[in-house]
């Protein structure tokens, strides 16, 4: 079972990023509720969430490891 430590590490990393995404998503919902869906504050948090998701996808996407282009 040589792959076991890598799987555990991968799941731990996945959990950490899932938490970060969920925290940012909740902040987005709270901001939209407080300032409105189309406010500058809400747009800013939405863009931050988008950027976080993109960074995670770029860092951990299997296609990136193979060097595949989109």
Protein backbone atom coordinates (compact mmCIF):
# COMPACT_ATOMS: atom_id res chain seq x y z
CA UNK A 1 0.00 0.00 0.00
CA UNK A 2 2.64 2.49 -1.01
CA UNK A 3 -0.01 4.92 -2.30
CA UNK A 4 -1.75 5.23 1.06
CA UNK A 5 0.25 8.22 2.42
CA UNK A 6 -0.27 10.09 -0.86
CA UNK A 7 -4.01 9.43 -0.74
CA UNK A 8 -4.22 10.69 2.85
CA UNK A 9 -2.22 13.81 1.98
CA UNK A 10 -4.40 14.42 -1.05
CA UNK A 11 -7.59 14.07 1.00
CA UNK A 12 -6.19 16.43 3.64
CA UNK A 13 -5.32 19.03 1.01
CA UNK A 14 -8.74 18.58 -0.58
CA UNK A 15 -10.41 19.10 2.78
CA UNK A 16 -8.43 22.26 3.47
CA UNK A 17 -9.39 23.76 0.10
CA UNK A 18 -13.00 22.65 0.50
CA UNK A 19 -13.10 24.55 3.79
CA UNK A 20 -11.57 27.65 2.19
CA UNK A 21 -14.08 27.55 -0.65
CA UNK A 22 -16.98 27.04 1.75
CA UNK A 23 -15.82 29.92 3.96
CA UNK A 24 -15.55 32.24 0.95
CA UNK A 25 -18.92 31.04 -0.36
CA UNK A 26 -20.54 31.80 2.99
CA UNK A 27 -18.90 35.24 3.01
CA UNK A 28 -20.37 35.82 -0.45
CA UNK A 29 -23.86 34.90 0.72
CA UNK A 30 -23.54 37.09 3.82
CA UNK A 31 -22.24 40.02 1.77
CA UNK A 32 -25.05 39.68 -0.78
CA UNK A 33 -27.60 39.60 2.01
CA UNK A 34 -26.13 42.70 3.66
CA UNK A 35 -25.29 44.83 0.62
CA UNK A 36 -27.38 43.36 -2.19
CA UNK A 37 -26.64 40.95 -4.99
CA UNK A 38 -25.21 43.54 -7.38
CA UNK A 39 -23.21 45.65 -4.94
CA UNK A 40 -19.50 46.35 -5.37
CA UNK A 41 -18.79 44.50 -2.12
CA UNK A 42 -20.61 41.38 -3.32
CA UNK A 43 -18.92 41.51 -6.71
CA UNK A 44 -15.51 41.73 -5.02
CA UNK A 45 -16.16 38.67 -2.84
CA UNK A 46 -17.56 36.79 -5.84
CA UNK A 47 -14.39 37.50 -7.80
CA UNK A 48 -12.29 36.37 -4.83
CA UNK A 49 -14.22 33.08 -4.75
CA UNK A 50 -13.78 32.65 -8.51
CA UNK A 51 -10.04 33.28 -8.19
CA UNK A 52 -9.69 30.80 -5.33
CA UNK A 53 -11.45 28.10 -7.35
CA UNK A 54 -9.30 28.82 -10.42
CA UNK A 55 -6.09 28.68 -8.38
CA UNK A 56 -7.08 25.33 -6.88
CA UNK A 57 -8.06 23.92 -10.28
CA UNK A 58 -4.80 25.06 -11.84
CA UNK A 59 -2.74 23.68 -8.98
CA UNK A 60 -4.44 20.29 -8.64
CA UNK A 61 -6.00 19.57 -12.02
CA UNK A 62 -4.88 16.19 -13.40
CA UNK A 63 -4.76 17.68 -16.91
CA UNK A 64 -2.15 20.17 -15.72
CA UNK A 65 0.10 17.33 -14.60
CA UNK A 66 -0.06 15.86 -18.10
CA UNK A 67 0.59 19.27 -19.65
CA UNK A 68 -2.73 19.31 -21.48
CA UNK A 69 -4.10 22.58 -22.76
CA UNK A 70 -7.72 23.63 -22.37
